[in-house]
Amino acid sequence: MTLPEVVLWTQLRKRAAGMHFRRQHAIGPYVLDFYCSAARLCVEVDGASHNFAAAAAHDTVRDRWLAAQGIRILRFAAADVLNDDALSGVMVAIQSATAPSTAFGGPPPP
């Protein structure tokens, strides 16, 4: 794992609000940085290499494939994970995405 992935993994293990994440989770032809099966959520930490056209095109194909499998994707810049102030926002976004009302498209029917 890269340093930003290690930092985020440490935070996910401490503050994931009861959600279980796996790191380096293989699914189909891809390996996800982090995956929460209960929320069907993939969390990716993107370094500078993702700014190049070829990597961005690969990410688009990958994201479409994951979406077709019913998996939502959150992408965060590595620089944001390494910045303490921004990391708080990253964790809030992840916790929001794993909340029961968002994880499955809304609250359960009455």
PDB file of N, CA and C in Angstrom:
ATOM      1  N   MET A   1       0.847  -1.185   0.000  1.00  0.00           N
ATOM      2  CA  MET A   1       0.000   0.000   0.000  1.00  0.00           C
ATOM      3  C   MET A   1       0.889   1.245   0.000  1.00  0.00           C
ATOM      4  N   THR A   2       0.375   2.295  -0.614  1.00  0.00           N
ATOM      5  CA  THR A   2       1.069   3.574  -0.614  1.00  0.00           C
ATOM      6  C   THR A   2       0.847   4.263   0.739  1.00  0.00           C
ATOM      7  N   LEU A   3       1.629   5.296   1.013  1.00  0.00           N
ATOM      8  CA  LEU A   3       1.465   6.022   2.278  1.00  0.00           C
ATOM      9  C   LEU A   3       0.037   6.570   2.439  1.00  0.00           C
ATOM     10  N   PRO A   4      -0.546   7.225   1.425  1.00  0.00           N
ATOM     11  CA  PRO A   4      -1.926   7.695   1.600  1.00  0.00           C
ATOM     12  C   PRO A   4      -2.906   6.552   1.887  1.00  0.00           C
ATOM     13  N   GLU A   5      -2.701   5.395   1.270  1.00  0.00           N
ATOM     14  CA  GLU A   5      -3.571   4.247   1.538  1.00  0.00           C
ATOM     15  C   GLU A   5      -3.413   3.756   2.970  1.00  0.00           C
ATOM     16  N   VAL A   6      -2.186   3.765   3.476  1.00  0.00           N
ATOM     17  CA  VAL A   6      -1.950   3.358   4.864  1.00  0.00           C
ATOM     18  C   VAL A   6      -2.647   4.322   5.822  1.00  0.00           C
ATOM     19  N   VAL A   7      -2.550   5.613   5.540  1.00  0.00           N
ATOM     20  CA  VAL A   7      -3.201   6.627   6.389  1.00  0.00           C
ATOM     21  C   VAL A   7      -4.712   6.419   6.386  1.00  0.00           C
ATOM     22  N   LEU A   8      -5.287   6.232   5.201  1.00  0.00           N
ATOM     23  CA  LEU A   8      -6.740   6.054   5.132  1.00  0.00           C
ATOM     24  C   LEU A   8      -7.155   4.740   5.784  1.00  0.00           C
ATOM     25  N   TRP A   9      -6.398   3.681   5.589  1.00  0.00           N
ATOM     26  CA  TRP A   9      -6.706   2.388   6.209  1.00  0.00           C
ATOM     27  C   TRP A   9      -6.741   2.521   7.725  1.00  0.00           C
ATOM     28  N   THR A  10      -5.791   3.250   8.280  1.00  0.00           N
ATOM     29  CA  THR A  10      -5.751   3.477   9.729  1.00  0.00           C
ATOM     30  C   THR A  10      -7.026   4.184  10.180  1.00  0.00           C
ATOM     31  N   GLN A  11      -7.452   5.185   9.426  1.00  0.00           N
ATOM     32  CA  GLN A  11      -8.670   5.916   9.780  1.00  0.00           C
ATOM     33  C   GLN A  11      -9.916   5.046   9.623  1.00  0.00           C
ATOM     34  N   LEU A  12      -9.967   4.257   8.569  1.00  0.00           N
ATOM     35  CA  LEU A  12     -11.128   3.387   8.362  1.00  0.00           C
ATOM     36  C   LEU A  12     -11.257   2.371   9.486  1.00  0.00           C
ATOM     37  N   ARG A  13     -10.166   1.889   9.980  1.00  0.00           N
ATOM     38  CA  ARG A  13     -10.208   0.904  11.062  1.00  0.00           C
ATOM     39  C   ARG A  13     -10.653   1.549  12.371  1.00  0.00           C
ATOM     40  N   LYS A  14     -10.380   2.848  12.537  1.00  0.00           N
ATOM     41  CA  LYS A  14     -10.761   3.546  13.776  1.00  0.00           C
ATOM     42  C   LYS A  14     -12.165   4.130  13.717  1.00  0.00           C
ATOM     43  N   ARG A  15     -12.532   4.688  12.550  1.00  0.00           N
ATOM     44  CA  ARG A  15     -13.714   5.556  12.496  1.00  0.00           C
ATOM     45  C   ARG A  15     -14.700   5.187  11.400  1.00  0.00           C
ATOM     46  N   ALA A  16     -14.864   3.950  11.091  1.00  0.00           N
ATOM     47  CA  ALA A  16     -15.759   3.582   9.990  1.00  0.00           C
ATOM     48  C   ALA A  16     -17.199   3.389  10.447  1.00  0.00           C
ATOM     49  N   ALA A  17     -17.542   3.807  11.648  1.00  0.00           N
ATOM     50  CA  ALA A  17     -18.910   3.757  12.164  1.00  0.00           C
ATOM     51  C   ALA A  17     -19.519   2.367  12.033  1.00  0.00           C
ATOM     52  N   GLY A  18     -18.745   1.361  12.401  1.00  0.00           N
ATOM     53  CA  GLY A  18     -19.253  -0.006  12.403  1.00  0.00           C
ATOM     54  C   GLY A  18     -19.223  -0.704  11.060  1.00  0.00           C
ATOM     55  N   MET A  19     -18.811  -0.014  10.024  1.00  0.00           N
ATOM     56  CA  MET A  19     -18.742  -0.632   8.703  1.00  0.00           C
ATOM     57  C   MET A  19     -17.396  -1.333   8.557  1.00  0.00           C
ATOM     58  N   HIS A  20     -17.422  -2.494   7.933  1.00  0.00           N
ATOM     59  CA  HIS A  20     -16.209  -3.286   7.736  1.00  0.00           C
ATOM     60  C   HIS A  20     -15.673  -3.062   6.327  1.00  0.00           C
ATOM     61  N   PHE A  21     -14.443  -2.593   6.228  1.00  0.00           N
ATOM     62  CA  PHE A  21     -13.788  -2.391   4.947  1.00  0.00           C
ATOM     63  C   PHE A  21     -12.699  -3.436   4.761  1.00  0.00           C
ATOM     64  N   ARG A  22     -12.536  -3.865   3.528  1.00  0.00           N
ATOM     65  CA  ARG A  22     -11.417  -4.726   3.153  1.00  0.00           C
ATOM     66  C   ARG A  22     -10.461  -3.874   2.332  1.00  0.00           C
ATOM     67  N   ARG A  23      -9.184  -4.118   2.468  1.00  0.00           N
ATOM     68  CA  ARG A  23      -8.208  -3.400   1.644  1.00  0.00           C
ATOM     69  C   ARG A  23      -7.727  -4.325   0.533  1.00  0.00           C
ATOM     70  N   GLN A  24      -7.369  -3.728  -0.582  1.00  0.00           N
ATOM     71  CA  GLN A  24      -6.867  -4.471  -1.735  1.00  0.00           C
ATOM     72  C   GLN A  24      -7.795  -5.640  -2.073  1.00  0.00           C
ATOM     73  N   HIS A  25      -9.087  -5.325  -2.231  1.00  0.00           N
ATOM     74  CA  HIS A  25     -10.115  -6.334  -2.479  1.00  0.00           C
ATOM     75  C   HIS A  25     -10.261  -6.583  -3.976  1.00  0.00           C
ATOM     76  N   ALA A  26     -10.056  -7.836  -4.375  1.00  0.00           N
ATOM     77  CA  ALA A  26     -10.198  -8.202  -5.789  1.00  0.00           C
ATOM     78  C   ALA A  26     -11.664  -8.432  -6.122  1.00  0.00           C
ATOM     79  N   ILE A  27     -12.089  -7.842  -7.232  1.00  0.00           N
ATOM     80  CA  ILE A  27     -13.449  -8.072  -7.737  1.00  0.00           C
ATOM     81  C   ILE A  27     -13.368  -8.022  -9.264  1.00  0.00           C
ATOM     82  N   GLY A  28     -13.827  -9.080  -9.899  1.00  0.00           N
ATOM     83  CA  GLY A  28     -13.705  -9.160 -11.350  1.00  0.00           C
ATOM     84  C   GLY A  28     -12.253  -8.972 -11.749  1.00  0.00           C
ATOM     85  N   PRO A  29     -12.001  -8.162 -12.765  1.00  0.00           N
ATOM     86  CA  PRO A  29     -10.624  -7.956 -13.223  1.00  0.00           C
ATOM     87  C   PRO A  29      -9.878  -6.854 -12.455  1.00  0.00           C
ATOM     88  N   TYR A  30     -10.456  -6.339 -11.391  1.00  0.00           N
ATOM     89  CA  TYR A  30      -9.888  -5.180 -10.700  1.00  0.00           C
ATOM     90  C   TYR A  30      -9.557  -5.476  -9.241  1.00  0.00           C
ATOM     91  N   VAL A  31      -8.645  -4.662  -8.699  1.00  0.00           N
ATOM     92  CA  VAL A  31      -8.338  -4.685  -7.268  1.00  0.00           C
ATOM     93  C   VAL A  31      -8.697  -3.304  -6.730  1.00  0.00           C
ATOM     94  N   LEU A  32      -9.615  -3.281  -5.761  1.00  0.00           N
ATOM     95  CA  LEU A  32     -10.093  -2.030  -5.183  1.00  0.00           C
ATOM     96  C   LEU A  32      -9.215  -1.660  -3.991  1.00  0.00           C
ATOM     97  N   ASP A  33      -8.928  -0.373  -3.837  1.00  0.00           N
ATOM     98  CA  ASP A  33      -8.134   0.052  -2.681  1.00  0.00           C
ATOM     99  C   ASP A  33      -8.832  -0.376  -1.394  1.00  0.00           C
ATOM    100  N   PHE A  34     -10.109  -0.001  -1.264  1.00  0.00           N
ATOM    101  CA  PHE A  34     -10.901  -0.349  -0.083  1.00  0.00           C
ATOM    102  C   PHE A  34     -12.320  -0.679  -0.533  1.00  0.00           C
ATOM    103  N   TYR A  35     -12.932  -1.663   0.127  1.00  0.00           N
ATOM    104  CA  TYR A  35     -14.279  -2.068  -0.265  1.00  0.00           C
ATOM    105  C   TYR A  35     -15.094  -2.422   0.972  1.00  0.00           C
ATOM    106  N   CYS A  36     -16.311  -1.884   1.030  1.00  0.00           N
ATOM    107  CA  CYS A  36     -17.266  -2.213   2.080  1.00  0.00           C
ATOM    108  C   CYS A  36     -18.413  -2.960   1.406  1.00  0.00           C
ATOM    109  N   SER A  37     -18.492  -4.268   1.649  1.00  0.00           N
ATOM    110  CA  SER A  37     -19.516  -5.069   0.966  1.00  0.00           C
ATOM    111  C   SER A  37     -20.923  -4.732   1.452  1.00  0.00           C
ATOM    112  N   ALA A  38     -21.085  -4.393   2.728  1.00  0.00           N
ATOM    113  CA  ALA A  38     -22.413  -4.073   3.255  1.00  0.00           C
ATOM    114  C   ALA A  38     -23.010  -2.852   2.555  1.00  0.00           C
ATOM    115  N   ALA A  39     -22.173  -1.887   2.209  1.00  0.00           N
ATOM    116  CA  ALA A  39     -22.640  -0.666   1.541  1.00  0.00           C
ATOM    117  C   ALA A  39     -22.388  -0.717   0.034  1.00  0.00           C
ATOM    118  N   ARG A  40     -21.755  -1.783  -0.450  1.00  0.00           N
ATOM    119  CA  ARG A  40     -21.368  -1.915  -1.868  1.00  0.00           C
ATOM    120  C   ARG A  40     -20.643  -0.648  -2.316  1.00  0.00           C
ATOM    121  N   LEU A  41     -19.622  -0.287  -1.518  1.00  0.00           N
ATOM    122  CA  LEU A  41     -18.891   0.964  -1.716  1.00  0.00           C
ATOM    123  C   LEU A  41     -17.409   0.687  -1.903  1.00  0.00           C
ATOM    124  N   CYS A  42     -16.863   1.258  -2.961  1.00  0.00           N
ATOM    125  CA  CYS A  42     -15.434   1.212  -3.248  1.00  0.00           C
ATOM    126  C   CYS A  42     -14.857   2.585  -2.935  1.00  0.00           C
ATOM    127  N   VAL A  43     -13.746   2.615  -2.208  1.00  0.00           N
ATOM    128  CA  VAL A  43     -13.062   3.872  -1.917  1.00  0.00           C
ATOM    129  C   VAL A  43     -11.673   3.782  -2.548  1.00  0.00           C
ATOM    130  N   GLU A  44     -11.370   4.733  -3.416  1.00  0.00           N
ATOM    131  CA  GLU A  44     -10.092   4.762  -4.113  1.00  0.00           C
ATOM    132  C   GLU A  44      -9.298   5.996  -3.719  1.00  0.00           C
ATOM    133  N   VAL A  45      -7.991   5.813  -3.554  1.00  0.00           N
ATOM    134  CA  VAL A  45      -7.066   6.908  -3.283  1.00  0.00           C
ATOM    135  C   VAL A  45      -6.233   7.087  -4.547  1.00  0.00           C
ATOM    136  N   ASP A  46      -6.391   8.235  -5.185  1.00  0.00           N
ATOM    137  CA  ASP A  46      -5.734   8.484  -6.465  1.00  0.00           C
ATOM    138  C   ASP A  46      -4.517   9.375  -6.304  1.00  0.00           C
ATOM    139  N   GLY A  47      -3.373   8.862  -6.727  1.00  0.00           N
ATOM    140  CA  GLY A  47      -2.145   9.644  -6.745  1.00  0.00           C
ATOM    141  C   GLY A  47      -2.055  10.473  -8.016  1.00  0.00           C
ATOM    142  N   ALA A  48      -0.934  11.116  -8.202  1.00  0.00           N
ATOM    143  CA  ALA A  48      -0.733  12.010  -9.349  1.00  0.00           C
ATOM    144  C   ALA A  48      -0.846  11.278 -10.676  1.00  0.00           C
ATOM    145  N   SER A  49      -0.536   9.998 -10.716  1.00  0.00           N
ATOM    146  CA  SER A  49      -0.583   9.258 -11.985  1.00  0.00           C
ATOM    147  C   SER A  49      -1.998   9.202 -12.564  1.00  0.00           C
ATOM    148  N   HIS A  50      -3.005   9.399 -11.744  1.00  0.00           N
ATOM    149  CA  HIS A  50      -4.387   9.368 -12.225  1.00  0.00           C
ATOM    150  C   HIS A  50      -4.760  10.636 -13.005  1.00  0.00           C
ATOM    151  N   ASN A  51      -3.856  11.621 -13.021  1.00  0.00           N
ATOM    152  CA  ASN A  51      -4.113  12.858 -13.762  1.00  0.00           C
ATOM    153  C   ASN A  51      -3.776  12.735 -15.245  1.00  0.00           C
ATOM    154  N   PHE A  52      -3.102  11.660 -15.639  1.00  0.00           N
ATOM    155  CA  PHE A  52      -2.740  11.471 -17.042  1.00  0.00           C
ATOM    156  C   PHE A  52      -3.908  10.869 -17.808  1.00  0.00           C
ATOM    157  N   ALA A  53      -3.989  11.185 -19.087  1.00  0.00           N
ATOM    158  CA  ALA A  53      -5.131  10.778 -19.916  1.00  0.00           C
ATOM    159  C   ALA A  53      -5.343   9.266 -19.918  1.00  0.00           C
ATOM    160  N   ALA A  54      -4.276   8.490 -20.041  1.00  0.00           N
ATOM    161  CA  ALA A  54      -4.424   7.026 -20.101  1.00  0.00           C
ATOM    162  C   ALA A  54      -4.997   6.483 -18.796  1.00  0.00           C
ATOM    163  N   ALA A  55      -4.520   6.987 -17.680  1.00  0.00           N
ATOM    164  CA  ALA A  55      -5.018   6.527 -16.385  1.00  0.00           C
ATOM    165  C   ALA A  55      -6.467   6.967 -16.181  1.00  0.00           C
ATOM    166  N   ALA A  56      -6.772   8.180 -16.591  1.00  0.00           N
ATOM    167  CA  ALA A  56      -8.147   8.677 -16.455  1.00  0.00           C
ATOM    168  C   ALA A  56      -9.108   7.843 -17.305  1.00  0.00           C
ATOM    169  N   ALA A  57      -8.672   7.458 -18.500  1.00  0.00           N
ATOM    170  CA  ALA A  57      -9.505   6.619 -19.364  1.00  0.00           C
ATOM    171  C   ALA A  57      -9.712   5.242 -18.737  1.00  0.00           C
ATOM    172  N   HIS A  58      -8.654   4.689 -18.156  1.00  0.00           N
ATOM    173  CA  HIS A  58      -8.762   3.384 -17.483  1.00  0.00           C
ATOM    174  C   HIS A  58      -9.714   3.488 -16.297  1.00  0.00           C
ATOM    175  N   ASP A  59      -9.601   4.567 -15.532  1.00  0.00           N
ATOM    176  CA  ASP A  59     -10.495   4.776 -14.379  1.00  0.00           C
ATOM    177  C   ASP A  59     -11.953   4.843 -14.822  1.00  0.00           C
ATOM    178  N   THR A  60     -12.210   5.495 -15.950  1.00  0.00           N
ATOM    179  CA  THR A  60     -13.580   5.615 -16.453  1.00  0.00           C
ATOM    180  C   THR A  60     -14.150   4.244 -16.802  1.00  0.00           C
ATOM    181  N   VAL A  61     -13.364   3.434 -17.500  1.00  0.00           N
ATOM    182  CA  VAL A  61     -13.814   2.083 -17.862  1.00  0.00           C
ATOM    183  C   VAL A  61     -14.053   1.260 -16.602  1.00  0.00           C
ATOM    184  N   ARG A  62     -13.121   1.346 -15.675  1.00  0.00           N
ATOM    185  CA  ARG A  62     -13.215   0.616 -14.414  1.00  0.00           C
ATOM    186  C   ARG A  62     -14.448   1.044 -13.622  1.00  0.00           C
ATOM    187  N   ASP A  63     -14.677   2.351 -13.524  1.00  0.00           N
ATOM    188  CA  ASP A  63     -15.827   2.862 -12.779  1.00  0.00           C
ATOM    189  C   ASP A  63     -17.145   2.421 -13.405  1.00  0.00           C
ATOM    190  N   ARG A  64     -17.197   2.402 -14.723  1.00  0.00           N
ATOM    191  CA  ARG A  64     -18.422   1.933 -15.400  1.00  0.00           C
ATOM    192  C   ARG A  64     -18.670   0.460 -15.108  1.00  0.00           C
ATOM    193  N   TRP A  65     -17.614  -0.341 -15.131  1.00  0.00           N
ATOM    194  CA  TRP A  65     -17.756  -1.770 -14.854  1.00  0.00           C
ATOM    195  C   TRP A  65     -18.246  -1.973 -13.421  1.00  0.00           C
ATOM    196  N   LEU A  66     -17.643  -1.265 -12.472  1.00  0.00           N
ATOM    197  CA  LEU A  66     -18.048  -1.390 -11.071  1.00  0.00           C
ATOM    198  C   LEU A  66     -19.492  -0.929 -10.886  1.00  0.00           C
ATOM    199  N   ALA A  67     -19.873   0.173 -11.519  1.00  0.00           N
ATOM    200  CA  ALA A  67     -21.250   0.662 -11.417  1.00  0.00           C
ATOM    201  C   ALA A  67     -22.233  -0.363 -11.974  1.00  0.00           C
ATOM    202  N   ALA A  68     -21.851  -1.041 -13.041  1.00  0.00           N
ATOM    203  CA  ALA A  68     -22.717  -2.077 -13.610  1.00  0.00           C
ATOM    204  C   ALA A  68     -22.901  -3.252 -12.655  1.00  0.00           C
ATOM    205  N   GLN A  69     -21.958  -3.413 -11.726  1.00  0.00           N
ATOM    206  CA  GLN A  69     -22.053  -4.464 -10.709  1.00  0.00           C
ATOM    207  C   GLN A  69     -22.794  -3.964  -9.467  1.00  0.00           C
ATOM    208  N   GLY A  70     -23.260  -2.708  -9.501  1.00  0.00           N
ATOM    209  CA  GLY A  70     -23.978  -2.133  -8.370  1.00  0.00           C
ATOM    210  C   GLY A  70     -23.065  -1.599  -7.277  1.00  0.00           C
ATOM    211  N   ILE A  71     -21.836  -1.292  -7.638  1.00  0.00           N
ATOM    212  CA  ILE A  71     -20.858  -0.790  -6.666  1.00  0.00           C
ATOM    213  C   ILE A  71     -20.656   0.702  -6.895  1.00  0.00           C
ATOM    214  N   ARG A  72     -20.813   1.474  -5.816  1.00  0.00           N
ATOM    215  CA  ARG A  72     -20.572   2.920  -5.876  1.00  0.00           C
ATOM    216  C   ARG A  72     -19.090   3.176  -5.625  1.00  0.00           C
ATOM    217  N   ILE A  73     -18.566   4.246  -6.210  1.00  0.00           N
ATOM    218  CA  ILE A  73     -17.144   4.552  -6.097  1.00  0.00           C
ATOM    219  C   ILE A  73     -16.972   5.955  -5.538  1.00  0.00           C
ATOM    220  N   LEU A  74     -16.130   6.062  -4.524  1.00  0.00           N
ATOM    221  CA  LEU A  74     -15.688   7.365  -4.028  1.00  0.00           C
ATOM    222  C   LEU A  74     -14.198   7.462  -4.324  1.00  0.00           C
ATOM    223  N   ARG A  75     -13.791   8.539  -4.957  1.00  0.00           N
ATOM    224  CA  ARG A  75     -12.372   8.755  -5.258  1.00  0.00           C
ATOM    225  C   ARG A  75     -11.882   9.985  -4.500  1.00  0.00           C
ATOM    226  N   PHE A  76     -10.705   9.839  -3.908  1.00  0.00           N
ATOM    227  CA  PHE A  76     -10.091  10.941  -3.185  1.00  0.00           C
ATOM    228  C   PHE A  76      -8.650  11.094  -3.642  1.00  0.00           C
ATOM    229  N   ALA A  77      -8.209  12.327  -3.735  1.00  0.00           N
ATOM    230  CA  ALA A  77      -6.822  12.605  -4.092  1.00  0.00           C
ATOM    231  C   ALA A  77      -5.921  12.210  -2.915  1.00  0.00           C
ATOM    232  N   ALA A  78      -4.783  11.633  -3.240  1.00  0.00           N
ATOM    233  CA  ALA A  78      -3.825  11.231  -2.205  1.00  0.00           C
ATOM    234  C   ALA A  78      -3.437  12.435  -1.347  1.00  0.00           C
ATOM    235  N   ALA A  79      -3.298  13.599  -1.978  1.00  0.00           N
ATOM    236  CA  ALA A  79      -2.930  14.805  -1.230  1.00  0.00           C
ATOM    237  C   ALA A  79      -3.976  15.148  -0.171  1.00  0.00           C
ATOM    238  N   ASP A  80      -5.246  14.899  -0.453  1.00  0.00           N
ATOM    239  CA  ASP A  80      -6.301  15.170   0.534  1.00  0.00           C
ATOM    240  C   ASP A  80      -6.223  14.208   1.708  1.00  0.00           C
ATOM    241  N   VAL A  81      -5.867  12.977   1.438  1.00  0.00           N
ATOM    242  CA  VAL A  81      -5.747  11.988   2.516  1.00  0.00           C
ATOM    243  C   VAL A  81      -4.570  12.336   3.427  1.00  0.00           C
ATOM    244  N   LEU A  82      -3.532  12.927   2.851  1.00  0.00           N
ATOM    245  CA  LEU A  82      -2.344  13.277   3.635  1.00  0.00           C
ATOM    246  C   LEU A  82      -2.467  14.606   4.360  1.00  0.00           C
ATOM    247  N   ASN A  83      -3.517  15.368   4.066  1.00  0.00           N
ATOM    248  CA  ASN A  83      -3.739  16.656   4.718  1.00  0.00           C
ATOM    249  C   ASN A  83      -4.743  16.454   5.849  1.00  0.00           C
ATOM    250  N   ASP A  84      -4.343  16.746   7.092  1.00  0.00           N
ATOM    251  CA  ASP A  84      -5.203  16.480   8.248  1.00  0.00           C
ATOM    252  C   ASP A  84      -6.581  17.137   8.137  1.00  0.00           C
ATOM    253  N   ASP A  85      -6.617  18.385   7.682  1.00  0.00           N
ATOM    254  CA  ASP A  85      -7.915  19.075   7.561  1.00  0.00           C
ATOM    255  C   ASP A  85      -8.781  18.410   6.498  1.00  0.00           C
ATOM    256  N   ALA A  86      -8.195  18.107   5.357  1.00  0.00           N
ATOM    257  CA  ALA A  86      -8.959  17.481   4.272  1.00  0.00           C
ATOM    258  C   ALA A  86      -9.340  16.049   4.629  1.00  0.00           C
ATOM    259  N   LEU A  87      -8.490  15.352   5.385  1.00  0.00           N
ATOM    260  CA  LEU A  87      -8.778  13.965   5.765  1.00  0.00           C
ATOM    261  C   LEU A  87     -10.069  13.877   6.577  1.00  0.00           C
ATOM    262  N   SER A  88     -10.334  14.864   7.399  1.00  0.00           N
ATOM    263  CA  SER A  88     -11.593  14.882   8.155  1.00  0.00           C
ATOM    264  C   SER A  88     -12.779  14.892   7.208  1.00  0.00           C
ATOM    265  N   GLY A  89     -12.698  15.683   6.151  1.00  0.00           N
ATOM    266  CA  GLY A  89     -13.762  15.727   5.151  1.00  0.00           C
ATOM    267  C   GLY A  89     -13.883  14.417   4.387  1.00  0.00           C
ATOM    268  N   VAL A  90     -12.759  13.784   4.109  1.00  0.00           N
ATOM    269  CA  VAL A  90     -12.767  12.481   3.438  1.00  0.00           C
ATOM    270  C   VAL A  90     -13.525  11.479   4.300  1.00  0.00           C
ATOM    271  N   MET A  91     -13.235  11.464   5.590  1.00  0.00           N
ATOM    272  CA  MET A  91     -13.897  10.515   6.488  1.00  0.00           C
ATOM    273  C   MET A  91     -15.390  10.811   6.607  1.00  0.00           C
ATOM    274  N   VAL A  92     -15.766  12.078   6.623  1.00  0.00           N
ATOM    275  CA  VAL A  92     -17.193  12.432   6.675  1.00  0.00           C
ATOM    276  C   VAL A  92     -17.891  11.929   5.415  1.00  0.00           C
ATOM    277  N   ALA A  93     -17.271  12.100   4.266  1.00  0.00           N
ATOM    278  CA  ALA A  93     -17.859  11.636   3.007  1.00  0.00           C
ATOM    279  C   ALA A  93     -18.033  10.118   3.004  1.00  0.00           C
ATOM    280  N   ILE A  94     -17.040   9.406   3.510  1.00  0.00           N
ATOM    281  CA  ILE A  94     -17.120   7.940   3.559  1.00  0.00           C
ATOM    282  C   ILE A  94     -18.212   7.510   4.536  1.00  0.00           C
ATOM    283  N   GLN A  95     -18.256   8.133   5.699  1.00  0.00           N
ATOM    284  CA  GLN A  95     -19.283   7.777   6.682  1.00  0.00           C
ATOM    285  C   GLN A  95     -20.676   8.085   6.151  1.00  0.00           C
ATOM    286  N   SER A  96     -20.809   9.175   5.411  1.00  0.00           N
ATOM    287  CA  SER A  96     -22.101   9.513   4.794  1.00  0.00           C
ATOM    288  C   SER A  96     -22.499   8.458   3.773  1.00  0.00           C
ATOM    289  N   ALA A  97     -21.542   8.024   2.977  1.00  0.00           N
ATOM    290  CA  ALA A  97     -21.833   7.049   1.930  1.00  0.00           C
ATOM    291  C   ALA A  97     -22.157   5.672   2.486  1.00  0.00           C
ATOM    292  N   THR A  98     -21.714   5.383   3.708  1.00  0.00           N
ATOM    293  CA  THR A  98     -21.998   4.078   4.305  1.00  0.00           C
ATOM    294  C   THR A  98     -23.196   4.118   5.245  1.00  0.00           C
ATOM    295  N   ALA A  99     -23.770   5.310   5.440  1.00  0.00           N
ATOM    296  CA  ALA A  99     -24.950   5.427   6.299  1.00  0.00           C
ATOM    297  C   ALA A  99     -26.101   4.638   5.677  1.00  0.00           C
ATOM    298  N   PRO A 100     -26.916   3.978   6.477  1.00  0.00           N
ATOM    299  CA  PRO A 100     -28.003   3.159   5.924  1.00  0.00           C
ATOM    300  C   PRO A 100     -28.912   3.893   4.954  1.00  0.00           C
ATOM    301  N   SER A 101     -29.155   5.173   5.164  1.00  0.00           N
ATOM    302  CA  SER A 101     -30.063   5.893   4.266  1.00  0.00           C
ATOM    303  C   SER A 101     -29.450   6.138   2.897  1.00  0.00           C
ATOM    304  N   THR A 102     -28.108   6.134   2.780  1.00  0.00           N
ATOM    305  CA  THR A 102     -27.474   6.342   1.485  1.00  0.00           C
ATOM    306  C   THR A 102     -26.896   5.067   0.906  1.00  0.00           C
ATOM    307  N   ALA A 103     -26.546   4.135   1.760  1.00  0.00           N
ATOM    308  CA  ALA A 103     -25.877   2.926   1.293  1.00  0.00           C
ATOM    309  C   ALA A 103     -26.773   2.088   0.396  1.00  0.00           C
ATOM    310  N   PHE A 104     -28.064   2.147   0.586  1.00  0.00           N
ATOM    311  CA  PHE A 104     -28.964   1.303  -0.184  1.00  0.00           C
ATOM    312  C   PHE A 104     -30.024   2.102  -0.920  1.00  0.00           C
ATOM    313  N   GLY A 105     -29.719   3.367  -1.192  1.00  0.00           N
ATOM    314  CA  GLY A 105     -30.611   4.172  -1.997  1.00  0.00           C
ATOM    315  C   GLY A 105     -31.768   4.819  -1.251  1.00  0.00           C
ATOM    316  N   GLY A 106     -31.755   4.787   0.053  1.00  0.00           N
ATOM    317  CA  GLY A 106     -32.809   5.445   0.817  1.00  0.00           C
ATOM    318  C   GLY A 106     -33.240   4.607   2.001  1.00  0.00           C
ATOM    319  N   PRO A 107     -34.134   5.135   2.791  1.00  0.00           N
ATOM    320  CA  PRO A 107     -34.580   4.398   3.974  1.00  0.00           C
ATOM    321  C   PRO A 107     -35.411   3.185   3.570  1.00  0.00           C
ATOM    322  N   PRO A 108     -35.484   2.198   4.452  1.00  0.00           N
ATOM    323  CA  PRO A 108     -36.289   1.030   4.128  1.00  0.00           C
ATOM    324  C   PRO A 108     -37.766   1.396   4.046  1.00  0.00           C
ATOM    325  N   PRO A 109     -38.522   0.642   3.250  1.00  0.00           N
ATOM    326  CA  PRO A 109     -39.962   0.934   3.160  1.00  0.00           C
ATOM    327  C   PRO A 109     -40.652   0.671   4.487  1.00  0.00           C
ATOM    328  N   PRO A 110     -41.801   1.354   4.722  1.00  0.00           N
ATOM    329  CA  PRO A 110     -42.520   1.165   6.007  1.00  0.00           C
ATOM    330  C   PRO A 110     -43.118  -0.227   6.130  1.00  0.00           C
TER     331      PRO A 110
END
